[in-house]
PDB file of N, CA and C in Angstrom:
ATOM      1  N   MET A   1     -29.903 -24.273 -46.054  1.00  0.00           N
ATOM      2  CA  MET A   1     -28.871 -25.104 -45.516  1.00  0.00           C
ATOM      3  C   MET A   1     -28.108 -25.748 -46.665  1.00  0.00           C
ATOM      4  N   LYS A   2     -26.828 -25.567 -46.688  1.00  0.00           N
ATOM      5  CA  LYS A   2     -26.027 -26.161 -47.747  1.00  0.00           C
ATOM      6  C   LYS A   2     -25.517 -27.523 -47.305  1.00  0.00           C
ATOM      7  N   HIS A   3     -24.901 -28.236 -48.220  1.00  0.00           N
ATOM      8  CA  HIS A   3     -24.487 -29.609 -47.950  1.00  0.00           C
ATOM      9  C   HIS A   3     -23.512 -29.721 -46.784  1.00  0.00           C
ATOM     10  N   GLY A   4     -22.579 -28.821 -46.672  1.00  0.00           N
ATOM     11  CA  GLY A   4     -21.553 -28.948 -45.646  1.00  0.00           C
ATOM     12  C   GLY A   4     -21.778 -28.111 -44.413  1.00  0.00           C
ATOM     13  N   GLU A   5     -22.959 -27.586 -44.228  1.00  0.00           N
ATOM     14  CA  GLU A   5     -23.202 -26.706 -43.097  1.00  0.00           C
ATOM     15  C   GLU A   5     -23.328 -27.464 -41.789  1.00  0.00           C
ATOM     16  N   ASN A   6     -23.068 -26.758 -40.723  1.00  0.00           N
ATOM     17  CA  ASN A   6     -23.143 -27.298 -39.378  1.00  0.00           C
ATOM     18  C   ASN A   6     -24.585 -27.591 -38.970  1.00  0.00           C
ATOM     19  N   GLY A   7     -25.563 -26.935 -39.568  1.00  0.00           N
ATOM     20  CA  GLY A   7     -26.962 -27.108 -39.205  1.00  0.00           C
ATOM     21  C   GLY A   7     -27.472 -28.517 -39.438  1.00  0.00           C
ATOM     22  N   ILE A   8     -26.938 -29.196 -40.430  1.00  0.00           N
ATOM     23  CA  ILE A   8     -27.354 -30.575 -40.711  1.00  0.00           C
ATOM     24  C   ILE A   8     -27.016 -31.478 -39.530  1.00  0.00           C
ATOM     25  N   ARG A   9     -25.815 -31.329 -39.006  1.00  0.00           N
ATOM     26  CA  ARG A   9     -25.406 -32.145 -37.858  1.00  0.00           C
ATOM     27  C   ARG A   9     -26.251 -31.832 -36.629  1.00  0.00           C
ATOM     28  N   LYS A  10     -26.615 -30.562 -36.454  1.00  0.00           N
ATOM     29  CA  LYS A  10     -27.439 -30.182 -35.311  1.00  0.00           C
ATOM     30  C   LYS A  10     -28.827 -30.803 -35.396  1.00  0.00           C
ATOM     31  N   ILE A  11     -29.394 -30.825 -36.599  1.00  0.00           N
ATOM     32  CA  ILE A  11     -30.721 -31.421 -36.778  1.00  0.00           C
ATOM     33  C   ILE A  11     -30.666 -32.932 -36.555  1.00  0.00           C
ATOM     34  N   LEU A  12     -29.651 -33.593 -37.086  1.00  0.00           N
ATOM     35  CA  LEU A  12     -29.527 -35.038 -36.887  1.00  0.00           C
ATOM     36  C   LEU A  12     -29.332 -35.377 -35.411  1.00  0.00           C
ATOM     37  N   LYS A  13     -28.640 -34.540 -34.683  1.00  0.00           N
ATOM     38  CA  LYS A  13     -28.443 -34.752 -33.252  1.00  0.00           C
ATOM     39  C   LYS A  13     -29.772 -34.637 -32.507  1.00  0.00           C
ATOM     40  N   GLN A  14     -30.612 -33.680 -32.895  1.00  0.00           N
ATOM     41  CA  GLN A  14     -31.934 -33.536 -32.284  1.00  0.00           C
ATOM     42  C   GLN A  14     -32.816 -34.732 -32.612  1.00  0.00           C
ATOM     43  N   PHE A  15     -32.690 -35.266 -33.827  1.00  0.00           N
ATOM     44  CA  PHE A  15     -33.442 -36.461 -34.205  1.00  0.00           C
ATOM     45  C   PHE A  15     -33.064 -37.644 -33.315  1.00  0.00           C
ATOM     46  N   LYS A  16     -31.794 -37.789 -33.008  1.00  0.00           N
ATOM     47  CA  LYS A  16     -31.343 -38.914 -32.168  1.00  0.00           C
ATOM     48  C   LYS A  16     -31.899 -38.832 -30.753  1.00  0.00           C
ATOM     49  N   LYS A  17     -32.146 -37.621 -30.261  1.00  0.00           N
ATOM     50  CA  LYS A  17     -32.658 -37.445 -28.910  1.00  0.00           C
ATOM     51  C   LYS A  17     -34.169 -37.600 -28.824  1.00  0.00           C
ATOM     52  N   CYS A  18     -34.865 -37.510 -29.941  1.00  0.00           N
ATOM     53  CA  CYS A  18     -36.326 -37.561 -29.960  1.00  0.00           C
ATOM     54  C   CYS A  18     -36.813 -39.007 -29.800  1.00  0.00           C
ATOM     55  N   PRO A  19     -37.704 -39.275 -28.836  1.00  0.00           N
ATOM     56  CA  PRO A  19     -38.171 -40.652 -28.620  1.00  0.00           C
ATOM     57  C   PRO A  19     -39.076 -41.189 -29.731  1.00  0.00           C
ATOM     58  N   GLU A  20     -39.776 -40.328 -30.472  1.00  0.00           N
ATOM     59  CA  GLU A  20     -40.685 -40.797 -31.519  1.00  0.00           C
ATOM     60  C   GLU A  20     -39.960 -41.225 -32.792  1.00  0.00           C
ATOM     61  N   ILE A  21     -38.765 -40.746 -33.003  1.00  0.00           N
ATOM     62  CA  ILE A  21     -38.022 -41.086 -34.219  1.00  0.00           C
ATOM     63  C   ILE A  21     -37.301 -42.402 -33.999  1.00  0.00           C
ATOM     64  N   LEU A  22     -37.652 -43.386 -34.808  1.00  0.00           N
ATOM     65  CA  LEU A  22     -37.093 -44.722 -34.657  1.00  0.00           C
ATOM     66  C   LEU A  22     -35.674 -44.819 -35.199  1.00  0.00           C
ATOM     67  N   ARG A  23     -35.465 -44.306 -36.403  1.00  0.00           N
ATOM     68  CA  ARG A  23     -34.125 -44.369 -36.992  1.00  0.00           C
ATOM     69  C   ARG A  23     -34.003 -43.346 -38.116  1.00  0.00           C
ATOM     70  N   VAL A  24     -32.762 -43.024 -38.432  1.00  0.00           N
ATOM     71  CA  VAL A  24     -32.432 -42.136 -39.542  1.00  0.00           C
ATOM     72  C   VAL A  24     -31.456 -42.904 -40.421  1.00  0.00           C
ATOM     73  N   GLU A  25     -31.856 -43.144 -41.657  1.00  0.00           N
ATOM     74  CA  GLU A  25     -31.010 -43.895 -42.593  1.00  0.00           C
ATOM     75  C   GLU A  25     -30.385 -42.956 -43.604  1.00  0.00           C
ATOM     76  N   ARG A  26     -29.126 -43.164 -43.872  1.00  0.00           N
ATOM     77  CA  ARG A  26     -28.434 -42.364 -44.875  1.00  0.00           C
ATOM     78  C   ARG A  26     -28.635 -43.016 -46.237  1.00  0.00           C
ATOM     79  N   LYS A  27     -29.073 -42.243 -47.192  1.00  0.00           N
ATOM     80  CA  LYS A  27     -29.294 -42.718 -48.562  1.00  0.00           C
ATOM     81  C   LYS A  27     -28.354 -41.991 -49.506  1.00  0.00           C
ATOM     82  N   ALA A  28     -28.363 -42.380 -50.766  1.00  0.00           N
ATOM     83  CA  ALA A  28     -27.471 -41.765 -51.754  1.00  0.00           C
ATOM     84  C   ALA A  28     -27.796 -40.291 -51.978  1.00  0.00           C
ATOM     85  N   VAL A  29     -29.057 -39.926 -51.863  1.00  0.00           N
ATOM     86  CA  VAL A  29     -29.455 -38.539 -52.132  1.00  0.00           C
ATOM     87  C   VAL A  29     -29.731 -37.734 -50.872  1.00  0.00           C
ATOM     88  N   GLY A  30     -29.583 -38.316 -49.695  1.00  0.00           N
ATOM     89  CA  GLY A  30     -29.860 -37.593 -48.461  1.00  0.00           C
ATOM     90  C   GLY A  30     -30.091 -38.545 -47.306  1.00  0.00           C
ATOM     91  N   HIS A  31     -31.193 -38.348 -46.577  1.00  0.00           N
ATOM     92  CA  HIS A  31     -31.535 -39.183 -45.433  1.00  0.00           C
ATOM     93  C   HIS A  31     -33.026 -39.510 -45.454  1.00  0.00           C
ATOM     94  N   GLN A  32     -33.374 -40.618 -44.775  1.00  0.00           N
ATOM     95  CA  GLN A  32     -34.766 -40.963 -44.544  1.00  0.00           C
ATOM     96  C   GLN A  32     -34.966 -41.035 -43.045  1.00  0.00           C
ATOM     97  N   VAL A  33     -36.033 -40.410 -42.571  1.00  0.00           N
ATOM     98  CA  VAL A  33     -36.333 -40.372 -41.150  1.00  0.00           C
ATOM     99  C   VAL A  33     -37.603 -41.190 -40.921  1.00  0.00           C
ATOM    100  N   PHE A  34     -37.491 -42.202 -40.065  1.00  0.00           N
ATOM    101  CA  PHE A  34     -38.619 -43.074 -39.746  1.00  0.00           C
ATOM    102  C   PHE A  34     -39.118 -42.723 -38.356  1.00  0.00           C
ATOM    103  N   ALA A  35     -40.413 -42.443 -38.238  1.00  0.00           N
ATOM    104  CA  ALA A  35     -41.010 -42.078 -36.957  1.00  0.00           C
ATOM    105  C   ALA A  35     -42.078 -43.087 -36.578  1.00  0.00           C
ATOM    106  N   GLU A  36     -42.338 -43.150 -35.300  1.00  0.00           N
ATOM    107  CA  GLU A  36     -43.338 -44.056 -34.754  1.00  0.00           C
ATOM    108  C   GLU A  36     -44.735 -43.626 -35.196  1.00  0.00           C
ATOM    109  N   GLY A  37     -45.496 -44.560 -35.759  1.00  0.00           N
ATOM    110  CA  GLY A  37     -46.862 -44.271 -36.166  1.00  0.00           C
ATOM    111  C   GLY A  37     -47.002 -43.561 -37.501  1.00  0.00           C
ATOM    112  N   VAL A  38     -45.921 -43.410 -38.245  1.00  0.00           N
ATOM    113  CA  VAL A  38     -45.957 -42.739 -39.543  1.00  0.00           C
ATOM    114  C   VAL A  38     -45.647 -43.781 -40.618  1.00  0.00           C
ATOM    115  N   GLU A  39     -46.557 -43.919 -41.591  1.00  0.00           N
ATOM    116  CA  GLU A  39     -46.378 -44.936 -42.632  1.00  0.00           C
ATOM    117  C   GLU A  39     -45.246 -44.595 -43.584  1.00  0.00           C
ATOM    118  N   LYS A  40     -45.227 -43.359 -44.066  1.00  0.00           N
ATOM    119  CA  LYS A  40     -44.244 -42.956 -45.067  1.00  0.00           C
ATOM    120  C   LYS A  40     -43.127 -42.155 -44.396  1.00  0.00           C
ATOM    121  N   PRO A  41     -41.870 -42.573 -44.557  1.00  0.00           N
ATOM    122  CA  PRO A  41     -40.782 -41.820 -43.926  1.00  0.00           C
ATOM    123  C   PRO A  41     -40.531 -40.488 -44.620  1.00  0.00           C
ATOM    124  N   LEU A  42     -39.928 -39.582 -43.892  1.00  0.00           N
ATOM    125  CA  LEU A  42     -39.531 -38.293 -44.445  1.00  0.00           C
ATOM    126  C   LEU A  42     -38.228 -38.485 -45.199  1.00  0.00           C
ATOM    127  N   THR A  43     -38.205 -38.137 -46.468  1.00  0.00           N
ATOM    128  CA  THR A  43     -36.996 -38.206 -47.272  1.00  0.00           C
ATOM    129  C   THR A  43     -36.441 -36.801 -47.411  1.00  0.00           C
ATOM    130  N   ILE A  44     -35.185 -36.636 -47.009  1.00  0.00           N
ATOM    131  CA  ILE A  44     -34.567 -35.318 -46.967  1.00  0.00           C
ATOM    132  C   ILE A  44     -33.396 -35.273 -47.934  1.00  0.00           C
ATOM    133  N   HIS A  45     -33.412 -34.305 -48.814  1.00  0.00           N
ATOM    134  CA  HIS A  45     -32.221 -33.936 -49.585  1.00  0.00           C
ATOM    135  C   HIS A  45     -31.824 -32.560 -49.068  1.00  0.00           C
ATOM    136  N   TRP A  46     -30.623 -32.461 -48.540  1.00  0.00           N
ATOM    137  CA  TRP A  46     -30.214 -31.213 -47.899  1.00  0.00           C
ATOM    138  C   TRP A  46     -30.045 -30.108 -48.928  1.00  0.00           C
ATOM    139  N   SER A  47     -30.896 -29.121 -48.811  1.00  0.00           N
ATOM    140  CA  SER A  47     -30.861 -27.959 -49.680  1.00  0.00           C
ATOM    141  C   SER A  47     -31.222 -26.739 -48.830  1.00  0.00           C
ATOM    142  N   PRO A  48     -31.077 -25.538 -49.363  1.00  0.00           N
ATOM    143  CA  PRO A  48     -31.399 -24.351 -48.566  1.00  0.00           C
ATOM    144  C   PRO A  48     -32.842 -24.302 -48.060  1.00  0.00           C
ATOM    145  N   LYS A  49     -33.775 -24.884 -48.785  1.00  0.00           N
ATOM    146  CA  LYS A  49     -35.180 -24.846 -48.372  1.00  0.00           C
ATOM    147  C   LYS A  49     -35.622 -26.095 -47.609  1.00  0.00           C
ATOM    148  N   ALA A  50     -34.733 -27.036 -47.392  1.00  0.00           N
ATOM    149  CA  ALA A  50     -35.102 -28.295 -46.754  1.00  0.00           C
ATOM    150  C   ALA A  50     -35.535 -28.115 -45.304  1.00  0.00           C
ATOM    151  N   PHE A  51     -34.984 -27.132 -44.620  1.00  0.00           N
ATOM    152  CA  PHE A  51     -35.284 -26.949 -43.208  1.00  0.00           C
ATOM    153  C   PHE A  51     -36.773 -26.726 -42.963  1.00  0.00           C
ATOM    154  N   HIS A  52     -37.453 -26.003 -43.848  1.00  0.00           N
ATOM    155  CA  HIS A  52     -38.872 -25.711 -43.663  1.00  0.00           C
ATOM    156  C   HIS A  52     -39.719 -26.984 -43.751  1.00  0.00           C
ATOM    157  N   GLU A  53     -39.385 -27.839 -44.680  1.00  0.00           N
ATOM    158  CA  GLU A  53     -40.102 -29.109 -44.816  1.00  0.00           C
ATOM    159  C   GLU A  53     -39.867 -30.001 -43.593  1.00  0.00           C
ATOM    160  N   ILE A  54     -38.624 -30.038 -43.122  1.00  0.00           N
ATOM    161  CA  ILE A  54     -38.285 -30.844 -41.947  1.00  0.00           C
ATOM    162  C   ILE A  54     -39.023 -30.331 -40.720  1.00  0.00           C
ATOM    163  N   ARG A  55     -39.047 -29.021 -40.555  1.00  0.00           N
ATOM    164  CA  ARG A  55     -39.705 -28.422 -39.397  1.00  0.00           C
ATOM    165  C   ARG A  55     -41.204 -28.718 -39.400  1.00  0.00           C
ATOM    166  N   ARG A  56     -41.858 -28.618 -40.560  1.00  0.00           N
ATOM    167  CA  ARG A  56     -43.295 -28.926 -40.648  1.00  0.00           C
ATOM    168  C   ARG A  56     -43.562 -30.386 -40.309  1.00  0.00           C
ATOM    169  N   TRP A  57     -42.743 -31.288 -40.832  1.00  0.00           N
ATOM    170  CA  TRP A  57     -42.925 -32.707 -40.588  1.00  0.00           C
ATOM    171  C   TRP A  57     -42.726 -33.024 -39.102  1.00  0.00           C
ATOM    172  N   CYS A  58     -41.730 -32.420 -38.490  1.00  0.00           N
ATOM    173  CA  CYS A  58     -41.461 -32.675 -37.070  1.00  0.00           C
ATOM    174  C   CYS A  58     -42.591 -32.176 -36.184  1.00  0.00           C
ATOM    175  N   ARG A  59     -43.144 -31.013 -36.485  1.00  0.00           N
ATOM    176  CA  ARG A  59     -44.256 -30.490 -35.699  1.00  0.00           C
ATOM    177  C   ARG A  59     -45.479 -31.391 -35.802  1.00  0.00           C
ATOM    178  N   LYS A  60     -45.669 -31.983 -36.965  1.00  0.00           N
ATOM    179  CA  LYS A  60     -46.848 -32.804 -37.212  1.00  0.00           C
ATOM    180  C   LYS A  60     -46.717 -34.201 -36.596  1.00  0.00           C
ATOM    181  N   HIS A  61     -45.519 -34.803 -36.656  1.00  0.00           N
ATOM    182  CA  HIS A  61     -45.368 -36.212 -36.295  1.00  0.00           C
ATOM    183  C   HIS A  61     -44.547 -36.493 -35.044  1.00  0.00           C
ATOM    184  N   THR A  62     -43.877 -35.501 -34.464  1.00  0.00           N
ATOM    185  CA  THR A  62     -43.029 -35.766 -33.298  1.00  0.00           C
ATOM    186  C   THR A  62     -43.257 -34.715 -32.223  1.00  0.00           C
ATOM    187  N   SER A  63     -42.513 -34.868 -31.130  1.00  0.00           N
ATOM    188  CA  SER A  63     -42.591 -33.908 -30.038  1.00  0.00           C
ATOM    189  C   SER A  63     -41.609 -32.750 -30.230  1.00  0.00           C
ATOM    190  N   LEU A  64     -40.853 -32.749 -31.326  1.00  0.00           N
ATOM    191  CA  LEU A  64     -39.933 -31.650 -31.621  1.00  0.00           C
ATOM    192  C   LEU A  64     -40.741 -30.494 -32.200  1.00  0.00           C
ATOM    193  N   LYS A  65     -41.106 -29.543 -31.369  1.00  0.00           N
ATOM    194  CA  LYS A  65     -41.914 -28.408 -31.831  1.00  0.00           C
ATOM    195  C   LYS A  65     -41.049 -27.221 -32.219  1.00  0.00           C
ATOM    196  N   ASN A  66     -39.876 -27.095 -31.616  1.00  0.00           N
ATOM    197  CA  ASN A  66     -38.974 -25.991 -31.907  1.00  0.00           C
ATOM    198  C   ASN A  66     -37.652 -26.540 -32.407  1.00  0.00           C
ATOM    199  N   LEU A  67     -37.639 -26.936 -33.647  1.00  0.00           N
ATOM    200  CA  LEU A  67     -36.415 -27.472 -34.252  1.00  0.00           C
ATOM    201  C   LEU A  67     -35.451 -26.316 -34.521  1.00  0.00           C
ATOM    202  N   LYS A  68     -34.204 -26.482 -34.083  1.00  0.00           N
ATOM    203  CA  LYS A  68     -33.214 -25.412 -34.250  1.00  0.00           C
ATOM    204  C   LYS A  68     -32.071 -25.894 -35.128  1.00  0.00           C
ATOM    205  N   PHE A  69     -31.486 -24.961 -35.857  1.00  0.00           N
ATOM    206  CA  PHE A  69     -30.293 -25.273 -36.640  1.00  0.00           C
ATOM    207  C   PHE A  69     -29.298 -24.155 -36.563  1.00  0.00           C
TER     208      PHE A  69
END
């Protein structure tokens, strides 16, 4: 996933619909995703390999089992 791709917006939209995700903060280098019951937030820098890390984290900590982009 590159910086300007449409997939980033699709993933952020899915995050907004998920009840376990409390908030998504925009940072200088990417985004931080805060989930219910998770001590350390997921820090995302959008790169071509970022989707795999996001998908693993979502399967482990949220009800998003089939993340699409």
